[in-house]
Amino acid sequence: MTRIRVLVVDDSVVVRRLVSNVLTEDPLIDVVGTAANGRLALAKLESLVVDVVTMDVEMPEMDGVSAVREMRRSGHTMPVIMFSTLTDRGASATLDALAAGASDYVTKPANVGSVGQSMDQVRSSLVPKIKALVPRRRLAGPAPAAPTAPAAPTRPGAAAGKAATLTTPVPAAAVAVPPAVVRLAPPVSPPRGGYQVLVVGCSTGGPEALGRLLSALPPLPVPVAVVQHMPALFTAQLAARLDRQLASPVAEAVAGRRLEPGTVTIAPGDFHLHLTGTPAAPAVRLSQEQPENYCRPAVDVLFRTAASVFGAHVLAVVLTGMGQDGARGARAVVDAGGSVLAQDRATSVVWGMPGAVASAGLAEEVLPLSALARAVTTRLTASFAGAARR
């Protein structure tokens, strides 16, 4: 069995040693090199065979964002996982790195009392992401018809109080890679009165996918609500960044606030986003109820409560992400008469969440990211045209 070859990049010798020690404990992972900054990392990539890079964000000589940009410019396509501090500056730089081509991120241990606890946090958050981002065929030859993923992570920030999005390790079944087969749901005609809300769920690879989807949409006559698995500081930075990039207003959800047509509402990290009220006057409720799918916020909560408020008038989209969060919520949307679309395997960073929906036969269409905006626009346009005629 071929082991996953990792290059660890961090300017702190203590962090390099900690990460390397954690990774080499795993029989499927081999640390083939370390580097103290981005420039040294680029040099190492010319002489080493590397499957995954873990990259610190802030380093001397060449920081992680610049290093990722140079890696992609030079043709290096291996996944890069950013190792970020749980601060506003760290969150902003991490989003820059994701926009530059990084695949995902984890947060550095914070507010922990021992080296052992730090190692536990790195082990639970970083190792599953490394395994999820390396194609399974690299580990054991040709991919089986229905491969299974490794144990799932504690989400970034799980040891940092309210920044946590997951609170316990996730069993392997929670992030099983779906079968390659796609069973499309029967097409649904736009409901009488049209779709009245667009809900979106995403995780690994989600910030870039979400930005591309929303930027390709025209001004919408319905509110948009989003769950992206991220800690609180990161969701605030994501909302602010999207607000600057998009024509539509984007903001983190505020408890009790009305959902207005043409606006985008992002679930804050560590809070479930519930939709409440009536279709004519929908509003937001936030809670710190138990995680679902080991996630808080959870896509299932958003989708399920959207279906309870809007019934058949829900249009849901599941983008790239680890795990199966969103599958139960998608079932609630379909059972209520609404429609679900999913991102395809080829354009997903990890085809866990959309794959779970697709393999369960809940998605009307499974589409490349570039085609999802057109599918959303077509459905909304057709539904409102029909409502106007009636």
Protein backbone atom coordinates (compact mmCIF):
# COMPACT_ATOMS: atom_id res chain seq x y z
CA MET A 1 0.00 0.00 0.00
CA THR A 2 1.45 3.38 -1.04
CA ARG A 3 1.68 5.92 1.74
CA ILE A 4 0.63 9.55 1.38
CA ARG A 5 3.74 11.74 1.09
CA VAL A 6 3.45 15.02 2.99
CA LEU A 7 5.59 18.15 3.03
CA VAL A 8 5.16 20.14 6.27
CA VAL A 9 5.79 23.90 5.96
CA ASP A 10 5.90 26.15 9.04
CA ASP A 11 8.37 28.71 10.35
CA SER A 12 8.08 27.32 13.90
CA VAL A 13 10.35 24.35 14.56
CA VAL A 14 8.04 23.34 17.41
CA VAL A 15 5.01 23.24 15.12
CA ARG A 16 6.92 21.42 12.38
CA ARG A 17 7.96 18.77 14.88
CA LEU A 18 4.46 18.48 16.38
CA VAL A 19 2.74 18.11 13.00
CA SER A 20 5.38 15.71 11.72
CA ASN A 21 5.12 13.53 14.83
CA VAL A 22 1.34 13.34 14.55
CA LEU A 23 1.40 12.50 10.85
CA THR A 24 4.11 9.83 11.06
CA GLU A 25 2.04 7.97 13.67
CA ASP A 26 -0.41 7.09 10.91
CA PRO A 27 0.56 4.04 8.85
CA LEU A 28 -0.84 5.63 5.68
CA ILE A 29 1.18 8.86 5.93
CA ASP A 30 4.87 9.58 5.40
CA VAL A 31 6.41 13.02 6.10
CA VAL A 32 8.96 13.29 3.28
CA GLY A 33 10.22 16.76 4.17
CA THR A 34 9.81 19.98 6.11
CA ALA A 35 10.44 23.63 5.28
CA ALA A 36 10.59 26.84 7.32
CA ASN A 37 8.99 29.16 4.72
CA GLY A 38 7.32 29.19 1.34
CA ARG A 39 10.51 29.77 -0.63
CA LEU A 40 12.21 26.74 0.88
CA ALA A 41 9.04 24.72 0.30
CA LEU A 42 9.05 25.55 -3.40
CA ALA A 43 12.67 24.38 -3.62
CA LYS A 44 11.79 21.12 -1.85
CA LEU A 45 8.97 20.48 -4.30
CA GLU A 46 11.49 20.38 -7.14
CA SER A 47 13.34 17.45 -5.58
CA LEU A 48 10.68 15.55 -3.64
CA VAL A 49 7.64 13.53 -4.67
CA VAL A 50 4.83 15.07 -2.61
CA ASP A 51 1.13 14.22 -2.48
CA VAL A 52 -0.03 16.87 0.04
CA VAL A 53 1.45 20.07 1.49
CA THR A 54 0.51 21.48 4.89
CA MET A 55 1.26 25.21 4.74
CA ASP A 56 1.53 27.79 7.50
CA VAL A 57 -0.14 31.10 6.62
CA GLU A 58 2.29 33.61 8.13
CA MET A 59 6.02 32.98 7.50
CA PRO A 60 9.13 35.08 6.79
CA GLU A 61 10.65 35.47 3.29
CA MET A 62 7.57 33.98 1.58
CA ASP A 63 4.24 33.55 3.35
CA GLY A 64 1.78 30.76 2.74
CA VAL A 65 -0.53 32.71 0.44
CA SER A 66 2.35 33.74 -1.84
CA ALA A 67 3.68 30.19 -1.78
CA VAL A 68 0.34 28.74 -2.86
CA ARG A 69 0.09 31.24 -5.72
CA GLU A 70 3.62 30.35 -6.87
CA MET A 71 2.92 26.62 -6.59
CA ARG A 72 -0.13 26.89 -8.82
CA ARG A 73 1.70 29.19 -11.22
CA SER A 74 4.49 26.60 -11.46
CA GLY A 75 2.08 23.79 -12.25
CA HIS A 76 2.03 21.99 -8.88
CA THR A 77 -1.47 20.56 -8.49
CA MET A 78 -1.23 18.58 -5.25
CA PRO A 79 -3.66 19.55 -2.47
CA VAL A 80 -2.52 22.23 -0.03
CA ILE A 81 -3.97 22.44 3.49
CA MET A 82 -3.40 25.76 5.20
CA PHE A 83 -2.47 25.75 8.90
CA SER A 84 -4.06 28.92 10.24
CA THR A 85 -4.32 30.86 13.48
CA LEU A 86 -7.84 31.46 14.82
CA THR A 87 -7.70 35.25 14.45
CA ASP A 88 -9.25 37.81 12.13
CA ARG A 89 -5.90 38.20 10.38
CA GLY A 90 -5.45 34.44 10.12
CA ALA A 91 -8.98 33.97 8.80
CA SER A 92 -8.54 36.68 6.17
CA ALA A 93 -5.20 35.26 5.01
CA THR A 94 -6.65 31.75 4.89
CA LEU A 95 -9.47 32.90 2.61
CA ASP A 96 -6.82 34.58 0.42
CA ALA A 97 -5.00 31.24 0.26
CA LEU A 98 -8.17 29.35 -0.66
CA ALA A 99 -8.81 31.87 -3.44
CA ALA A 100 -5.21 31.37 -4.61
CA GLY A 101 -5.69 27.61 -4.94
CA ALA A 102 -5.34 26.04 -1.50
CA SER A 103 -7.64 23.07 -1.00
CA ASP A 104 -8.65 23.40 2.65
CA TYR A 105 -7.44 24.55 6.05
CA VAL A 106 -7.22 23.61 9.70
CA THR A 107 -6.70 25.92 12.65
CA LYS A 108 -3.67 25.72 14.89
CA PRO A 109 -4.23 24.47 18.44
CA ALA A 110 -5.33 27.29 20.72
CA ASN A 111 -6.22 27.47 24.40
CA VAL A 112 -5.03 23.92 25.04
CA GLY A 113 -3.22 22.88 28.16
CA SER A 114 -0.61 20.43 26.96
CA VAL A 115 1.39 19.14 24.03
CA GLY A 116 -0.73 16.00 24.12
CA GLN A 117 -3.92 18.01 23.68
CA SER A 118 -2.34 19.96 20.83
CA MET A 119 -1.40 16.69 19.14
CA ASP A 120 -4.92 15.36 19.63
CA GLN A 121 -6.40 18.41 17.94
CA VAL A 122 -4.02 18.19 14.99
CA ARG A 123 -4.65 14.45 14.74
CA SER A 124 -8.43 14.82 14.67
CA SER A 125 -8.55 17.78 12.27
CA LEU A 126 -5.60 17.38 9.90
CA VAL A 127 -5.20 13.63 9.32
CA PRO A 128 -8.74 12.99 7.97
CA LYS A 129 -8.45 15.96 5.60
CA ILE A 130 -5.17 14.68 4.22
CA LYS A 131 -6.72 11.30 3.55
CA ALA A 132 -9.88 12.80 2.04
CA LEU A 133 -7.95 15.06 -0.34
CA VAL A 134 -5.68 12.36 -1.78
CA PRO A 135 -7.45 10.23 -4.40
CA ARG A 136 -8.28 6.85 -2.90
CA ARG A 137 -6.69 5.01 -5.80
CA ARG A 138 -3.32 6.39 -4.62
CA LEU A 139 -3.65 4.40 -1.42
CA ALA A 140 -4.64 0.98 -2.65
CA GLY A 141 -4.56 0.74 -6.42
CA PRO A 142 -7.75 0.98 -8.53
CA ALA A 143 -10.65 2.53 -6.70
CA PRO A 144 -13.40 0.11 -5.66
CA ALA A 145 -16.98 0.67 -6.74
CA ALA A 146 -17.91 2.14 -3.37
CA PRO A 147 -14.79 3.16 -1.43
CA THR A 148 -14.96 4.38 2.12
CA ALA A 149 -13.23 7.36 3.56
CA PRO A 150 -11.14 7.50 6.72
CA ALA A 151 -12.33 8.75 10.06
CA ALA A 152 -13.71 12.25 9.86
CA PRO A 153 -12.24 15.31 11.53
CA THR A 154 -13.10 17.51 14.38
CA ARG A 155 -13.71 20.72 12.47
CA PRO A 156 -11.23 23.57 12.67
CA GLY A 157 -11.38 25.40 15.97
CA ALA A 158 -13.03 22.60 17.91
CA ALA A 159 -10.89 23.33 20.98
CA ALA A 160 -11.42 27.07 20.86
CA GLY A 161 -14.79 27.63 22.52
CA LYS A 162 -17.35 29.40 20.38
CA ALA A 163 -15.17 29.13 17.28
CA ALA A 164 -15.78 25.38 17.15
CA THR A 165 -17.91 23.90 14.39
CA LEU A 166 -17.52 20.28 15.48
CA THR A 167 -17.18 18.99 18.99
CA THR A 168 -16.32 15.28 18.76
CA PRO A 169 -14.39 12.98 16.44
CA VAL A 170 -16.48 11.68 13.57
CA PRO A 171 -16.77 7.96 12.81
CA ALA A 172 -15.76 6.78 9.37
CA ALA A 173 -19.37 6.14 8.40
CA ALA A 174 -20.10 9.85 8.72
CA VAL A 175 -17.75 10.70 5.85
CA ALA A 176 -18.12 7.65 3.64
CA VAL A 177 -17.29 8.42 0.03
CA PRO A 178 -20.51 7.83 -1.92
CA PRO A 179 -20.69 5.28 -4.71
CA ALA A 180 -19.81 6.58 -8.16
CA VAL A 181 -23.36 5.87 -9.32
CA VAL A 182 -25.67 8.86 -9.61
CA ARG A 183 -29.41 8.30 -9.37
CA LEU A 184 -31.28 11.42 -10.40
CA ALA A 185 -34.54 12.32 -8.73
CA PRO A 186 -37.58 12.75 -10.98
CA PRO A 187 -37.74 16.33 -12.26
CA VAL A 188 -40.12 18.55 -10.34
CA SER A 189 -42.18 21.28 -11.99
CA PRO A 190 -41.78 24.69 -10.36
CA PRO A 191 -44.30 24.93 -7.51
CA ARG A 192 -47.36 27.08 -7.81
CA GLY A 193 -46.22 30.50 -6.66
CA GLY A 194 -42.60 29.78 -7.58
CA TYR A 195 -39.56 28.98 -5.47
CA GLN A 196 -39.38 31.36 -2.54
CA VAL A 197 -35.96 30.61 -1.04
CA LEU A 198 -32.55 29.32 -2.18
CA VAL A 199 -30.56 27.36 0.43
CA VAL A 200 -26.95 26.27 -0.08
CA GLY A 201 -24.71 23.89 1.89
CA CYS A 202 -20.94 23.38 1.53
CA SER A 203 -17.79 22.44 3.40
CA THR A 204 -14.31 21.48 2.10
CA GLY A 205 -13.64 23.58 -0.99
CA GLY A 206 -16.83 25.50 -0.30
CA PRO A 207 -15.64 29.12 -0.02
CA GLU A 208 -14.30 29.17 -3.57
CA ALA A 209 -17.24 27.17 -4.96
CA LEU A 210 -19.75 29.37 -3.14
CA GLY A 211 -18.15 32.54 -4.46
CA ARG A 212 -18.19 31.24 -8.01
CA LEU A 213 -21.81 30.12 -7.77
CA LEU A 214 -23.15 33.31 -6.24
CA SER A 215 -21.14 35.62 -8.50
CA ALA A 216 -22.63 33.90 -11.56
CA LEU A 217 -26.22 34.41 -10.43
CA PRO A 218 -28.28 37.43 -11.50
CA PRO A 219 -30.05 39.50 -8.83
CA LEU A 220 -32.48 37.05 -7.28
CA PRO A 221 -36.12 37.65 -6.31
CA VAL A 222 -35.70 35.32 -3.30
CA PRO A 223 -33.54 35.28 -0.17
CA VAL A 224 -30.45 33.04 -0.09
CA ALA A 225 -29.33 31.23 3.08
CA VAL A 226 -25.98 29.45 3.32
CA VAL A 227 -24.25 27.02 5.66
CA GLN A 228 -20.49 26.74 5.16
CA HIS A 229 -18.65 24.65 7.76
CA MET A 230 -16.27 27.20 9.32
CA PRO A 231 -15.39 28.69 12.71
CA ALA A 232 -16.99 31.99 13.71
CA LEU A 233 -14.17 34.35 12.75
CA PHE A 234 -13.92 32.65 9.39
CA THR A 235 -17.64 32.90 8.58
CA ALA A 236 -17.56 36.62 9.41
CA GLN A 237 -14.60 37.12 7.08
CA LEU A 238 -16.30 35.03 4.38
CA ALA A 239 -19.50 37.08 4.58
CA ALA A 240 -17.56 40.36 4.43
CA ARG A 241 -15.51 39.16 1.47
CA LEU A 242 -18.56 38.00 -0.48
CA ASP A 243 -20.34 41.26 0.33
CA ARG A 244 -17.48 43.14 -1.35
CA GLN A 245 -17.45 40.82 -4.36
CA LEU A 246 -21.14 40.40 -5.11
CA ALA A 247 -23.84 42.78 -6.24
CA SER A 248 -26.22 41.27 -3.68
CA PRO A 249 -25.81 42.20 0.00
CA VAL A 250 -24.15 39.44 2.07
CA ALA A 251 -24.07 39.25 5.87
CA GLU A 252 -23.76 36.81 8.74
CA ALA A 253 -27.12 35.77 10.14
CA VAL A 254 -28.51 37.76 13.06
CA ALA A 255 -31.13 36.15 15.30
CA GLY A 256 -34.63 37.45 14.62
CA ARG A 257 -33.72 39.30 11.44
CA ARG A 258 -36.05 38.99 8.45
CA LEU A 259 -34.81 37.22 5.33
CA GLU A 260 -35.15 39.70 2.50
CA PRO A 261 -35.32 38.86 -1.23
CA GLY A 262 -32.04 39.43 -3.02
CA THR A 263 -29.91 39.09 0.13
CA VAL A 264 -27.45 36.36 1.12
CA THR A 265 -27.34 35.21 4.76
CA ILE A 266 -24.37 33.14 6.04
CA ALA A 267 -24.67 30.94 9.14
CA PRO A 268 -22.19 32.09 11.81
CA GLY A 269 -19.64 29.55 12.99
CA ASP A 270 -20.77 27.38 15.93
CA PHE A 271 -24.45 28.33 15.48
CA HIS A 272 -27.15 26.39 13.68
CA LEU A 273 -29.13 28.52 11.23
CA HIS A 274 -32.88 27.84 11.48
CA LEU A 275 -35.46 29.45 9.21
CA THR A 276 -38.68 30.40 10.99
CA GLY A 277 -41.82 32.43 10.42
CA THR A 278 -43.94 32.21 7.29
CA PRO A 279 -43.16 32.30 3.56
CA ALA A 280 -44.39 35.91 3.51
CA ALA A 281 -42.30 36.90 6.53
CA PRO A 282 -39.38 34.46 6.96
CA ALA A 283 -36.87 35.10 9.72
CA VAL A 284 -33.71 33.68 11.26
CA ARG A 285 -33.24 31.78 14.50
CA LEU A 286 -29.77 30.85 15.74
CA SER A 287 -29.06 28.08 18.22
CA GLN A 288 -26.26 26.14 19.81
CA GLU A 289 -28.29 22.97 19.97
CA GLN A 290 -26.40 19.69 19.66
CA PRO A 291 -24.28 19.31 16.51
CA GLU A 292 -25.81 17.28 13.70
CA ASN A 293 -23.49 15.14 11.61
CA TYR A 294 -20.92 16.38 14.17
CA CYS A 295 -21.37 19.84 12.62
CA ARG A 296 -22.53 23.18 13.97
CA PRO A 297 -23.71 24.89 11.84
CA ALA A 298 -25.25 21.93 10.02
CA VAL A 299 -26.65 21.97 6.51
CA ASP A 300 -29.33 19.50 7.59
CA VAL A 301 -30.75 22.04 10.06
CA LEU A 302 -30.96 24.78 7.43
CA PHE A 303 -32.53 22.54 4.78
CA ARG A 304 -34.99 20.91 7.19
CA THR A 305 -36.23 24.20 8.64
CA ALA A 306 -36.43 25.76 5.17
CA ALA A 307 -38.70 22.89 4.12
CA SER A 308 -40.84 23.33 7.23
CA VAL A 309 -41.38 27.05 6.47
CA PHE A 310 -41.52 27.11 2.69
CA GLY A 311 -42.70 23.58 1.82
CA ALA A 312 -42.43 22.89 -1.90
CA HIS A 313 -41.05 26.38 -2.53
CA VAL A 314 -37.45 25.46 -1.56
CA LEU A 315 -34.61 25.21 -4.06
CA ALA A 316 -31.54 23.62 -2.42
CA VAL A 317 -27.95 23.30 -3.69
CA VAL A 318 -25.29 21.03 -2.18
CA LEU A 319 -21.70 21.97 -3.04
CA THR A 320 -18.34 20.31 -2.40
CA GLY A 321 -17.60 19.05 1.11
CA MET A 322 -16.52 16.18 3.36
CA GLY A 323 -19.08 13.99 5.04
CA GLN A 324 -22.80 13.57 4.50
CA ASP A 325 -24.22 16.73 6.05
CA GLY A 326 -27.12 17.88 3.91
CA ALA A 327 -28.36 14.45 2.86
CA ARG A 328 -31.10 14.22 5.51
CA GLY A 329 -32.01 17.85 4.93
CA ALA A 330 -32.21 17.23 1.18
CA ARG A 331 -34.61 14.36 1.90
CA ALA A 332 -36.81 16.79 3.87
CA VAL A 333 -36.76 19.25 0.94
CA VAL A 334 -37.72 16.53 -1.56
CA ASP A 335 -40.42 15.12 0.71
CA ALA A 336 -41.94 18.60 0.95
CA GLY A 337 -42.01 18.88 -2.85
CA GLY A 338 -38.94 21.10 -3.29
CA SER A 339 -35.94 20.64 -5.57
CA VAL A 340 -32.29 19.76 -4.92
CA LEU A 341 -29.23 20.24 -7.14
CA ALA A 342 -25.74 18.87 -6.42
CA GLN A 343 -22.22 19.63 -7.59
CA ASP A 344 -20.61 16.82 -9.59
CA ARG A 345 -17.62 14.71 -8.56
CA ALA A 346 -15.21 16.13 -11.15
CA THR A 347 -15.46 19.74 -9.95
CA SER A 348 -15.75 19.00 -6.21
CA VAL A 349 -12.68 19.21 -4.00
CA VAL A 350 -14.26 16.37 -1.97
CA TRP A 351 -17.37 14.63 -3.29
CA GLY A 352 -18.74 13.69 0.11
CA MET A 353 -21.76 15.92 0.75
CA PRO A 354 -22.96 16.26 -2.86
CA GLY A 355 -22.13 12.61 -3.49
CA ALA A 356 -24.28 11.48 -0.58
CA VAL A 357 -27.21 13.42 -2.01
CA ALA A 358 -26.59 12.16 -5.55
CA SER A 359 -26.18 8.49 -4.59
CA ALA A 360 -29.41 8.66 -2.55
CA GLY A 361 -31.34 9.79 -5.63
CA LEU A 362 -32.30 13.14 -4.10
CA ALA A 363 -30.79 15.48 -6.71
CA GLU A 364 -32.70 16.41 -9.85
CA GLU A 365 -29.41 17.27 -11.51
CA VAL A 366 -25.75 16.66 -10.67
CA LEU A 367 -23.80 19.35 -12.46
CA PRO A 368 -20.35 20.88 -12.82
CA LEU A 369 -19.90 24.01 -10.74
CA SER A 370 -19.92 26.13 -13.90
CA ALA A 371 -23.42 24.87 -14.80
CA LEU A 372 -25.08 25.15 -11.39
CA ALA A 373 -25.74 28.89 -11.60
CA ARG A 374 -27.50 28.45 -14.92
CA ALA A 375 -29.63 25.63 -13.49
CA VAL A 376 -30.57 27.76 -10.46
CA THR A 377 -31.38 30.77 -12.63
CA THR A 378 -33.47 28.68 -15.02
CA ARG A 379 -35.56 27.23 -12.19
CA LEU A 380 -36.12 30.55 -10.50
CA THR A 381 -36.95 32.32 -13.77
CA ALA A 382 -39.36 29.60 -14.85
CA SER A 383 -41.04 29.45 -11.45
CA PHE A 384 -41.61 33.20 -11.24
CA ALA A 385 -42.74 33.40 -14.86
CA GLY A 386 -45.28 30.70 -14.11
CA ALA A 387 -46.40 32.48 -10.95
CA ALA A 388 -46.85 35.74 -12.89
CA ARG A 389 -48.99 33.99 -15.53
CA ARG A 390 -51.19 32.50 -12.85
